[in-house]
Amino acid sequence: MRDDIETILFHEQTILRRLDELAAEITNEYADKELTVVAVLNGSLMFMADLLRRVPLPLRLDCLSVSSYHGGTESSGVVTFDQLRMPDINGRHVLILDDILDSGRTLHAISSKLRAETEPKSVRSCVLLRKMIARTTETEADYVGFDIGNEFVVGYGLDYDERYRNLPFVGVLKPDRIG
């Protein structure tokens, strides 16, 4: 699998150091608050596990299965929710965790749906990666691990066709491996 990577953008130790910083920010923000973390499956699993182990707060954890890539390398423009109900977040502060902020559609759809179907005290978001591109929505993340260019990346939870999630780093997939 490593032979399929053109460039490593962030090595594992770099990612873990940044997660220490993000965890400190989140801990300070949510001290003495009722926090529920909503992780977006499957891409955020590695990020979620490593980040939340660094947040020494009592919190609830829930997951949403949402997709917008549908096997391609760009958002399809359609966000699909795979569960019937939203997490119980009434009266709680919510932090959405996702692997990457790209077009903004997924994060916008999740935030909107949570606010429309429940009554949270607040809804904020945290992403491992933020592509520095124009978004189709005015969605931005409140906490960002790293900014990247408009490259197709895999590893550390991010995939191409359900492969590469288990790489311990974030890298750019070789163009000839896509397709």
N, C-alpha and C. Protein backbone atom coordinates (compact mmCIF):
# COMPACT_ATOMS: atom_id res chain seq x y z
N MET A 1 0.82 -1.20 0.00
CA MET A 1 0.00 0.00 0.00
C MET A 1 0.86 1.26 0.00
N ARG A 2 1.99 1.23 0.69
CA ARG A 2 2.84 2.42 0.73
C ARG A 2 3.37 2.77 -0.66
N ASP A 3 3.49 1.78 -1.51
CA ASP A 3 3.96 2.05 -2.87
C ASP A 3 2.93 2.85 -3.68
N ASP A 4 1.69 2.89 -3.21
CA ASP A 4 0.63 3.63 -3.90
C ASP A 4 0.61 5.11 -3.51
N ILE A 5 1.47 5.49 -2.57
CA ILE A 5 1.48 6.86 -2.06
C ILE A 5 2.55 7.68 -2.78
N GLU A 6 2.12 8.81 -3.32
CA GLU A 6 3.04 9.72 -4.02
C GLU A 6 3.88 10.53 -3.03
N THR A 7 3.22 11.08 -2.01
CA THR A 7 3.87 11.94 -1.03
C THR A 7 3.19 11.76 0.33
N ILE A 8 3.98 11.70 1.37
CA ILE A 8 3.42 11.70 2.72
C ILE A 8 3.34 13.15 3.17
N LEU A 9 2.13 13.60 3.50
CA LEU A 9 1.93 14.99 3.95
C LEU A 9 2.17 15.13 5.45
N PHE A 10 1.63 14.19 6.23
CA PHE A 10 1.74 14.26 7.69
C PHE A 10 2.06 12.87 8.23
N HIS A 11 3.22 12.75 8.84
CA HIS A 11 3.62 11.49 9.48
C HIS A 11 2.85 11.31 10.78
N GLU A 12 2.82 10.09 11.26
CA GLU A 12 2.05 9.75 12.45
C GLU A 12 2.41 10.64 13.65
N GLN A 13 3.68 10.85 13.91
CA GLN A 13 4.07 11.66 15.07
C GLN A 13 3.63 13.11 14.93
N THR A 14 3.63 13.63 13.72
CA THR A 14 3.15 14.99 13.47
C THR A 14 1.66 15.08 13.77
N ILE A 15 0.92 14.06 13.33
CA ILE A 15 -0.52 14.02 13.58
C ILE A 15 -0.79 13.96 15.09
N LEU A 16 -0.08 13.09 15.79
CA LEU A 16 -0.32 12.92 17.22
C LEU A 16 0.04 14.18 18.01
N ARG A 17 1.09 14.88 17.60
CA ARG A 17 1.42 16.15 18.27
C ARG A 17 0.31 17.17 18.07
N ARG A 18 -0.24 17.22 16.85
CA ARG A 18 -1.32 18.17 16.58
C ARG A 18 -2.58 17.79 17.37
N LEU A 19 -2.83 16.50 17.54
CA LEU A 19 -3.99 16.06 18.32
C LEU A 19 -3.85 16.47 19.78
N ASP A 20 -2.62 16.48 20.31
CA ASP A 20 -2.41 16.98 21.67
C ASP A 20 -2.89 18.42 21.78
N GLU A 21 -2.54 19.23 20.78
CA GLU A 21 -2.94 20.64 20.78
C GLU A 21 -4.46 20.81 20.65
N LEU A 22 -5.05 20.06 19.72
CA LEU A 22 -6.51 20.13 19.55
C LEU A 22 -7.23 19.69 20.81
N ALA A 23 -6.75 18.63 21.43
CA ALA A 23 -7.38 18.13 22.65
C ALA A 23 -7.34 19.17 23.76
N ALA A 24 -6.23 19.89 23.87
CA ALA A 24 -6.12 20.94 24.89
C ALA A 24 -7.13 22.05 24.62
N GLU A 25 -7.28 22.45 23.36
CA GLU A 25 -8.26 23.48 23.00
C GLU A 25 -9.69 23.02 23.33
N ILE A 26 -10.01 21.80 22.96
CA ILE A 26 -11.34 21.25 23.20
C ILE A 26 -11.60 21.12 24.70
N THR A 27 -10.62 20.64 25.44
CA THR A 27 -10.76 20.49 26.89
C THR A 27 -11.03 21.84 27.54
N ASN A 28 -10.31 22.85 27.14
CA ASN A 28 -10.53 24.20 27.69
C ASN A 28 -11.91 24.73 27.34
N GLU A 29 -12.33 24.52 26.12
CA GLU A 29 -13.63 25.03 25.66
C GLU A 29 -14.80 24.36 26.37
N TYR A 30 -14.69 23.06 26.62
CA TYR A 30 -15.83 22.31 27.14
C TYR A 30 -15.71 21.91 28.61
N ALA A 31 -14.77 22.46 29.32
CA ALA A 31 -14.67 22.18 30.76
C ALA A 31 -15.98 22.63 31.41
N ASP A 32 -16.53 21.79 32.25
CA ASP A 32 -17.78 22.08 32.98
C ASP A 32 -19.00 22.18 32.06
N LYS A 33 -18.96 21.57 30.90
CA LYS A 33 -20.12 21.55 30.00
C LYS A 33 -20.48 20.10 29.68
N GLU A 34 -21.74 19.89 29.35
CA GLU A 34 -22.22 18.56 28.94
C GLU A 34 -21.90 18.37 27.46
N LEU A 35 -20.85 17.62 27.15
CA LEU A 35 -20.38 17.46 25.78
C LEU A 35 -20.79 16.10 25.20
N THR A 36 -21.30 16.15 23.98
CA THR A 36 -21.52 14.94 23.20
C THR A 36 -20.72 15.07 21.92
N VAL A 37 -19.91 14.07 21.66
CA VAL A 37 -19.14 14.02 20.42
C VAL A 37 -19.90 13.14 19.45
N VAL A 38 -20.10 13.65 18.24
CA VAL A 38 -20.75 12.89 17.17
C VAL A 38 -19.70 12.69 16.09
N ALA A 39 -19.25 11.46 15.93
CA ALA A 39 -18.22 11.13 14.95
C ALA A 39 -18.88 10.66 13.65
N VAL A 40 -18.30 11.09 12.55
CA VAL A 40 -18.81 10.71 11.24
C VAL A 40 -18.05 9.47 10.76
N LEU A 41 -18.80 8.39 10.56
CA LEU A 41 -18.22 7.13 10.12
C LEU A 41 -18.04 7.11 8.60
N ASN A 42 -17.10 6.38 8.11
CA ASN A 42 -16.06 5.60 8.77
C ASN A 42 -14.76 6.38 8.88
N GLY A 43 -14.67 7.46 8.13
CA GLY A 43 -13.42 8.18 8.00
C GLY A 43 -12.84 8.75 9.27
N SER A 44 -13.68 9.11 10.23
CA SER A 44 -13.16 9.77 11.43
C SER A 44 -12.75 8.80 12.53
N LEU A 45 -12.86 7.50 12.33
CA LEU A 45 -12.61 6.55 13.42
C LEU A 45 -11.21 6.65 14.01
N MET A 46 -10.18 6.68 13.19
CA MET A 46 -8.80 6.76 13.71
C MET A 46 -8.60 8.08 14.44
N PHE A 47 -9.02 9.16 13.79
CA PHE A 47 -8.94 10.51 14.34
C PHE A 47 -9.69 10.59 15.67
N MET A 48 -10.91 10.09 15.69
CA MET A 48 -11.73 10.13 16.90
C MET A 48 -11.06 9.39 18.05
N ALA A 49 -10.61 8.18 17.80
CA ALA A 49 -10.01 7.37 18.87
C ALA A 49 -8.78 8.06 19.45
N ASP A 50 -7.90 8.54 18.60
CA ASP A 50 -6.68 9.16 19.10
C ASP A 50 -6.95 10.51 19.75
N LEU A 51 -7.88 11.29 19.21
CA LEU A 51 -8.18 12.59 19.79
C LEU A 51 -8.88 12.45 21.14
N LEU A 52 -9.93 11.64 21.20
CA LEU A 52 -10.72 11.57 22.43
C LEU A 52 -9.96 10.96 23.60
N ARG A 53 -8.97 10.13 23.34
CA ARG A 53 -8.14 9.60 24.43
C ARG A 53 -7.34 10.72 25.09
N ARG A 54 -7.22 11.84 24.40
CA ARG A 54 -6.46 12.98 24.91
C ARG A 54 -7.35 14.03 25.58
N VAL A 55 -8.66 13.83 25.57
CA VAL A 55 -9.60 14.80 26.14
C VAL A 55 -10.08 14.24 27.47
N PRO A 56 -9.57 14.77 28.60
CA PRO A 56 -9.92 14.21 29.92
C PRO A 56 -11.22 14.77 30.48
N LEU A 57 -12.27 14.71 29.71
CA LEU A 57 -13.59 15.19 30.13
C LEU A 57 -14.60 14.05 30.07
N PRO A 58 -15.59 14.07 30.94
CA PRO A 58 -16.69 13.13 30.76
C PRO A 58 -17.47 13.56 29.52
N LEU A 59 -17.74 12.64 28.65
CA LEU A 59 -18.49 12.99 27.44
C LEU A 59 -19.28 11.79 26.96
N ARG A 60 -20.23 12.08 26.12
CA ARG A 60 -20.98 11.03 25.45
C ARG A 60 -20.44 10.93 24.03
N LEU A 61 -20.52 9.75 23.48
CA LEU A 61 -20.04 9.53 22.12
C LEU A 61 -21.14 8.86 21.31
N ASP A 62 -21.38 9.40 20.15
CA ASP A 62 -22.32 8.79 19.22
C ASP A 62 -21.69 8.88 17.83
N CYS A 63 -22.22 8.11 16.92
CA CYS A 63 -21.68 8.09 15.56
C CYS A 63 -22.82 8.23 14.55
N LEU A 64 -22.49 8.85 13.44
CA LEU A 64 -23.41 8.93 12.31
C LEU A 64 -22.74 8.30 11.10
N SER A 65 -23.49 7.54 10.37
CA SER A 65 -22.99 6.99 9.11
C SER A 65 -23.55 7.85 8.00
N VAL A 66 -22.67 8.63 7.40
CA VAL A 66 -23.04 9.60 6.38
C VAL A 66 -22.04 9.47 5.24
N SER A 67 -22.51 9.60 4.01
CA SER A 67 -21.57 9.54 2.89
C SER A 67 -21.95 10.55 1.83
N SER A 68 -20.91 11.03 1.14
CA SER A 68 -21.14 11.93 0.01
C SER A 68 -20.22 11.61 -1.15
N TYR A 69 -19.20 10.77 -0.93
CA TYR A 69 -18.28 10.44 -2.02
C TYR A 69 -18.78 9.28 -2.85
N HIS A 70 -19.43 8.33 -2.25
CA HIS A 70 -20.03 7.18 -2.95
C HIS A 70 -19.04 6.49 -3.89
N GLY A 71 -17.79 6.30 -3.40
CA GLY A 71 -16.80 5.54 -4.15
C GLY A 71 -15.92 6.36 -5.07
N GLY A 72 -16.18 7.65 -5.24
CA GLY A 72 -15.37 8.48 -6.13
C GLY A 72 -14.31 9.25 -5.38
N THR A 73 -13.70 10.21 -6.09
CA THR A 73 -12.66 11.04 -5.49
C THR A 73 -13.15 12.45 -5.21
N GLU A 74 -14.40 12.74 -5.56
CA GLU A 74 -15.01 14.04 -5.27
C GLU A 74 -16.40 13.81 -4.71
N SER A 75 -16.86 14.77 -3.93
CA SER A 75 -18.20 14.67 -3.38
C SER A 75 -19.21 14.56 -4.51
N SER A 76 -20.16 13.67 -4.32
CA SER A 76 -21.20 13.49 -5.34
C SER A 76 -22.22 14.63 -5.32
N GLY A 77 -22.20 15.40 -4.24
CA GLY A 77 -23.19 16.47 -4.08
C GLY A 77 -24.42 16.01 -3.33
N VAL A 78 -24.51 14.71 -3.06
CA VAL A 78 -25.64 14.15 -2.33
C VAL A 78 -25.13 13.56 -1.02
N VAL A 79 -25.67 14.04 0.08
CA VAL A 79 -25.29 13.53 1.40
C VAL A 79 -26.35 12.54 1.84
N THR A 80 -25.92 11.32 2.13
CA THR A 80 -26.84 10.25 2.50
C THR A 80 -26.64 9.89 3.98
N PHE A 81 -27.72 9.93 4.75
CA PHE A 81 -27.70 9.50 6.15
C PHE A 81 -28.17 8.04 6.18
N ASP A 82 -27.37 7.18 6.84
CA ASP A 82 -27.67 5.75 6.83
C ASP A 82 -28.41 5.25 8.07
N GLN A 83 -28.78 6.13 8.99
CA GLN A 83 -29.52 5.69 10.17
C GLN A 83 -30.87 6.39 10.22
N LEU A 84 -31.76 5.82 11.01
CA LEU A 84 -33.13 6.33 11.06
C LEU A 84 -33.31 7.48 12.05
N ARG A 85 -32.47 7.54 13.08
CA ARG A 85 -32.66 8.58 14.09
C ARG A 85 -31.35 9.30 14.35
N MET A 86 -31.51 10.53 14.81
CA MET A 86 -30.36 11.33 15.20
C MET A 86 -30.01 11.02 16.66
N PRO A 87 -28.77 11.26 17.06
CA PRO A 87 -28.40 11.04 18.46
C PRO A 87 -29.21 11.93 19.39
N ASP A 88 -29.37 11.50 20.64
CA ASP A 88 -30.07 12.29 21.65
C ASP A 88 -29.10 13.34 22.19
N ILE A 89 -29.23 14.56 21.69
CA ILE A 89 -28.31 15.63 22.09
C ILE A 89 -29.05 16.83 22.68
N ASN A 90 -30.30 16.66 23.01
CA ASN A 90 -31.07 17.77 23.59
C ASN A 90 -30.38 18.33 24.82
N GLY A 91 -30.22 19.66 24.83
CA GLY A 91 -29.63 20.33 25.97
C GLY A 91 -28.14 20.13 26.15
N ARG A 92 -27.48 19.57 25.15
CA ARG A 92 -26.04 19.28 25.27
C ARG A 92 -25.25 20.10 24.24
N HIS A 93 -24.00 20.29 24.54
CA HIS A 93 -23.08 20.88 23.59
C HIS A 93 -22.58 19.74 22.71
N VAL A 94 -22.56 19.96 21.40
CA VAL A 94 -22.21 18.91 20.45
C VAL A 94 -20.95 19.31 19.69
N LEU A 95 -20.05 18.35 19.56
CA LEU A 95 -18.86 18.52 18.75
C LEU A 95 -18.88 17.43 17.69
N ILE A 96 -19.01 17.82 16.43
CA ILE A 96 -18.99 16.88 15.31
C ILE A 96 -17.54 16.66 14.92
N LEU A 97 -17.13 15.40 14.82
CA LEU A 97 -15.78 15.05 14.36
C LEU A 97 -15.87 14.43 12.98
N ASP A 98 -15.09 14.97 12.05
CA ASP A 98 -15.03 14.40 10.71
C ASP A 98 -13.58 14.36 10.24
N ASP A 99 -13.31 13.51 9.28
CA ASP A 99 -11.94 13.38 8.80
C ASP A 99 -11.50 14.57 7.96
N ILE A 100 -12.38 15.06 7.07
CA ILE A 100 -11.95 16.09 6.14
C ILE A 100 -13.10 17.04 5.80
N LEU A 101 -12.77 18.31 5.71
CA LEU A 101 -13.70 19.33 5.23
C LEU A 101 -13.28 19.64 3.81
N ASP A 102 -14.12 19.27 2.87
CA ASP A 102 -13.84 19.42 1.45
C ASP A 102 -14.84 20.41 0.88
N SER A 103 -15.92 19.93 0.28
CA SER A 103 -16.94 20.81 -0.28
C SER A 103 -17.74 21.52 0.81
N GLY A 104 -17.81 20.92 1.99
CA GLY A 104 -18.60 21.47 3.08
C GLY A 104 -20.00 20.89 3.16
N ARG A 105 -20.40 20.12 2.16
CA ARG A 105 -21.77 19.59 2.12
C ARG A 105 -22.07 18.66 3.29
N THR A 106 -21.16 17.75 3.59
CA THR A 106 -21.42 16.78 4.65
C THR A 106 -21.55 17.46 6.00
N LEU A 107 -20.58 18.28 6.34
CA LEU A 107 -20.62 18.98 7.63
C LEU A 107 -21.84 19.88 7.74
N HIS A 108 -22.17 20.56 6.68
CA HIS A 108 -23.36 21.43 6.67
C HIS A 108 -24.64 20.60 6.86
N ALA A 109 -24.73 19.48 6.14
CA ALA A 109 -25.93 18.64 6.25
C ALA A 109 -26.10 18.07 7.66
N ILE A 110 -25.00 17.63 8.25
CA ILE A 110 -25.07 17.07 9.61
C ILE A 110 -25.47 18.16 10.61
N SER A 111 -24.80 19.29 10.56
CA SER A 111 -25.11 20.39 11.48
C SER A 111 -26.56 20.82 11.35
N SER A 112 -27.02 20.96 10.12
CA SER A 112 -28.40 21.39 9.88
C SER A 112 -29.41 20.38 10.40
N LYS A 113 -29.14 19.11 10.14
CA LYS A 113 -30.06 18.05 10.58
C LYS A 113 -30.10 17.95 12.11
N LEU A 114 -28.95 18.05 12.75
CA LEU A 114 -28.92 17.99 14.22
C LEU A 114 -29.70 19.15 14.82
N ARG A 115 -29.54 20.33 14.26
CA ARG A 115 -30.26 21.50 14.78
C ARG A 115 -31.76 21.41 14.49
N ALA A 116 -32.13 20.86 13.35
CA ALA A 116 -33.53 20.79 12.96
C ALA A 116 -34.31 19.72 13.73
N GLU A 117 -33.64 18.62 14.07
CA GLU A 117 -34.35 17.49 14.68
C GLU A 117 -34.15 17.36 16.18
N THR A 118 -33.26 18.16 16.75
CA THR A 118 -33.00 18.10 18.18
C THR A 118 -32.82 19.53 18.70
N GLU A 119 -32.54 19.66 19.98
CA GLU A 119 -32.35 20.99 20.57
C GLU A 119 -31.04 21.05 21.34
N PRO A 120 -29.90 21.05 20.62
CA PRO A 120 -28.62 21.14 21.31
C PRO A 120 -28.37 22.55 21.82
N LYS A 121 -27.52 22.68 22.83
CA LYS A 121 -27.12 24.00 23.31
C LYS A 121 -26.20 24.67 22.29
N SER A 122 -25.33 23.87 21.69
CA SER A 122 -24.43 24.38 20.66
C SER A 122 -23.99 23.24 19.76
N VAL A 123 -23.58 23.59 18.55
CA VAL A 123 -23.04 22.61 17.62
C VAL A 123 -21.78 23.22 17.01
N ARG A 124 -20.66 22.54 17.24
CA ARG A 124 -19.39 22.97 16.66
C ARG A 124 -18.78 21.76 15.96
N SER A 125 -17.69 21.99 15.25
CA SER A 125 -17.10 20.90 14.48
C SER A 125 -15.58 20.91 14.56
N CYS A 126 -15.03 19.73 14.37
CA CYS A 126 -13.58 19.52 14.40
C CYS A 126 -13.24 18.56 13.26
N VAL A 127 -12.29 18.94 12.44
CA VAL A 127 -11.86 18.09 11.34
C VAL A 127 -10.35 17.88 11.41
N LEU A 128 -9.92 16.73 10.97
CA LEU A 128 -8.49 16.47 10.89
C LEU A 128 -7.87 17.32 9.78
N LEU A 129 -8.53 17.34 8.63
CA LEU A 129 -7.99 18.05 7.46
C LEU A 129 -9.02 19.02 6.90
N ARG A 130 -8.53 20.18 6.45
CA ARG A 130 -9.38 21.15 5.77
C ARG A 130 -8.72 21.47 4.43
N LYS A 131 -9.43 21.13 3.35
CA LYS A 131 -8.94 21.50 2.03
C LYS A 131 -9.13 23.00 1.84
N MET A 132 -8.10 23.64 1.37
CA MET A 132 -8.14 25.08 1.15
C MET A 132 -8.67 25.33 -0.26
N ILE A 133 -9.99 25.14 -0.39
CA ILE A 133 -10.68 25.32 -1.67
C ILE A 133 -11.98 26.08 -1.40
N ALA A 134 -12.59 26.57 -2.48
CA ALA A 134 -13.90 27.19 -2.36
C ALA A 134 -14.91 26.11 -1.97
N ARG A 135 -15.79 26.42 -1.06
CA ARG A 135 -16.80 25.46 -0.61
C ARG A 135 -18.13 25.71 -1.31
N THR A 136 -18.93 24.67 -1.41
CA THR A 136 -20.27 24.81 -1.98
C THR A 136 -21.25 25.35 -0.96
N THR A 137 -20.87 25.31 0.32
CA THR A 137 -21.67 25.89 1.40
C THR A 137 -20.75 26.82 2.19
N GLU A 138 -21.31 27.62 3.06
CA GLU A 138 -20.49 28.53 3.86
C GLU A 138 -20.04 27.88 5.16
N THR A 139 -19.89 26.58 5.15
CA THR A 139 -19.50 25.82 6.33
C THR A 139 -17.99 25.90 6.55
N GLU A 140 -17.61 26.12 7.79
CA GLU A 140 -16.22 26.06 8.20
C GLU A 140 -16.15 25.26 9.49
N ALA A 141 -14.99 24.68 9.75
CA ALA A 141 -14.79 23.92 10.98
C ALA A 141 -14.29 24.85 12.08
N ASP A 142 -14.69 24.56 13.31
CA ASP A 142 -14.25 25.34 14.46
C ASP A 142 -12.85 24.95 14.93
N TYR A 143 -12.51 23.68 14.76
CA TYR A 143 -11.19 23.17 15.10
C TYR A 143 -10.65 22.43 13.88
N VAL A 144 -9.41 22.71 13.53
CA VAL A 144 -8.80 22.11 12.33
C VAL A 144 -7.43 21.56 12.68
N GLY A 145 -7.21 20.30 12.29
CA GLY A 145 -5.89 19.72 12.49
C GLY A 145 -4.86 20.31 11.54
N PHE A 146 -5.11 20.17 10.24
CA PHE A 146 -4.17 20.62 9.23
C PHE A 146 -4.92 21.15 8.01
N ASP A 147 -4.33 22.14 7.36
CA ASP A 147 -4.83 22.61 6.07
C ASP A 147 -4.04 21.93 4.97
N ILE A 148 -4.75 21.56 3.90
CA ILE A 148 -4.09 20.93 2.75
C ILE A 148 -4.60 21.59 1.47
N GLY A 149 -3.89 21.33 0.39
CA GLY A 149 -4.31 21.80 -0.92
C GLY A 149 -5.39 20.89 -1.48
N ASN A 150 -5.69 21.09 -2.73
CA ASN A 150 -6.73 20.29 -3.40
C ASN A 150 -6.12 19.00 -3.94
N GLU A 151 -5.76 18.12 -3.01
CA GLU A 151 -5.14 16.84 -3.35
C GLU A 151 -6.02 15.72 -2.83
N PHE A 152 -5.95 14.57 -3.48
CA PHE A 152 -6.71 13.43 -2.99
C PHE A 152 -5.84 12.66 -2.01
N VAL A 153 -6.25 12.67 -0.74
CA VAL A 153 -5.43 12.09 0.32
C VAL A 153 -6.09 10.84 0.91
N VAL A 154 -5.23 9.98 1.42
CA VAL A 154 -5.67 8.74 2.07
C VAL A 154 -4.82 8.53 3.31
N GLY A 155 -5.25 7.58 4.12
CA GLY A 155 -4.51 7.22 5.33
C GLY A 155 -5.13 7.84 6.55
N TYR A 156 -4.81 7.29 7.69
CA TYR A 156 -5.29 7.75 8.99
C TYR A 156 -6.81 7.91 8.99
N GLY A 157 -7.48 6.91 8.39
CA GLY A 157 -8.94 6.89 8.34
C GLY A 157 -9.52 7.25 6.99
N LEU A 158 -8.80 8.04 6.22
CA LEU A 158 -9.29 8.44 4.89
C LEU A 158 -9.04 7.32 3.89
N ASP A 159 -9.98 7.15 2.97
CA ASP A 159 -9.87 6.01 2.07
C ASP A 159 -10.06 6.40 0.61
N TYR A 160 -9.71 5.46 -0.22
CA TYR A 160 -10.14 5.46 -1.61
C TYR A 160 -10.72 4.07 -1.84
N ASP A 161 -12.00 4.02 -2.15
CA ASP A 161 -12.70 2.76 -2.40
C ASP A 161 -12.49 1.77 -1.24
N GLU A 162 -12.60 2.31 0.00
CA GLU A 162 -12.48 1.55 1.25
C GLU A 162 -11.08 0.98 1.49
N ARG A 163 -10.07 1.47 0.81
CA ARG A 163 -8.70 1.03 1.03
C ARG A 163 -7.89 2.18 1.63
N TYR A 164 -6.78 1.86 2.25
CA TYR A 164 -5.78 2.80 2.78
C TYR A 164 -6.14 3.42 4.13
N ARG A 165 -7.31 3.16 4.70
CA ARG A 165 -7.69 3.76 5.98
C ARG A 165 -6.68 3.47 7.08
N ASN A 166 -6.07 2.29 7.04
CA ASN A 166 -5.21 1.85 8.13
C ASN A 166 -3.77 2.34 8.02
N LEU A 167 -3.44 3.15 7.03
CA LEU A 167 -2.10 3.73 6.98
C LEU A 167 -1.94 4.69 8.16
N PRO A 168 -0.79 4.70 8.82
CA PRO A 168 -0.61 5.53 10.02
C PRO A 168 -0.28 6.99 9.71
N PHE A 169 -0.34 7.38 8.47
CA PHE A 169 -0.02 8.74 8.05
C PHE A 169 -1.06 9.22 7.04
N VAL A 170 -1.00 10.50 6.69
CA VAL A 170 -1.84 11.04 5.62
C VAL A 170 -0.94 11.29 4.42
N GLY A 171 -1.33 10.73 3.29
CA GLY A 171 -0.53 10.88 2.08
C GLY A 171 -1.38 11.11 0.85
N VAL A 172 -0.73 11.57 -0.19
CA VAL A 172 -1.38 11.79 -1.48
C VAL A 172 -1.29 10.51 -2.29
N LEU A 173 -2.42 10.05 -2.76
CA LEU A 173 -2.48 8.83 -3.56
C LEU A 173 -1.96 9.11 -4.95
N LYS A 174 -1.16 8.21 -5.48
CA LYS A 174 -0.65 8.36 -6.84
C LYS A 174 -1.82 8.40 -7.81
N PRO A 175 -1.78 9.29 -8.79
CA PRO A 175 -2.90 9.40 -9.75
C PRO A 175 -3.22 8.10 -10.49
N ASP A 176 -2.19 7.28 -10.78
CA ASP A 176 -2.44 6.04 -11.52
C ASP A 176 -3.10 4.96 -10.67
N ARG A 177 -3.26 5.22 -9.37
CA ARG A 177 -3.97 4.28 -8.47
C ARG A 177 -5.45 4.60 -8.38
N ILE A 178 -5.85 5.72 -8.96
CA ILE A 178 -7.24 6.15 -8.93
C ILE A 178 -7.89 5.81 -10.25
N GLY A 179 -9.06 5.20 -10.15
CA GLY A 179 -9.76 4.94 -11.40
C GLY A 179 -10.26 3.60 -11.52
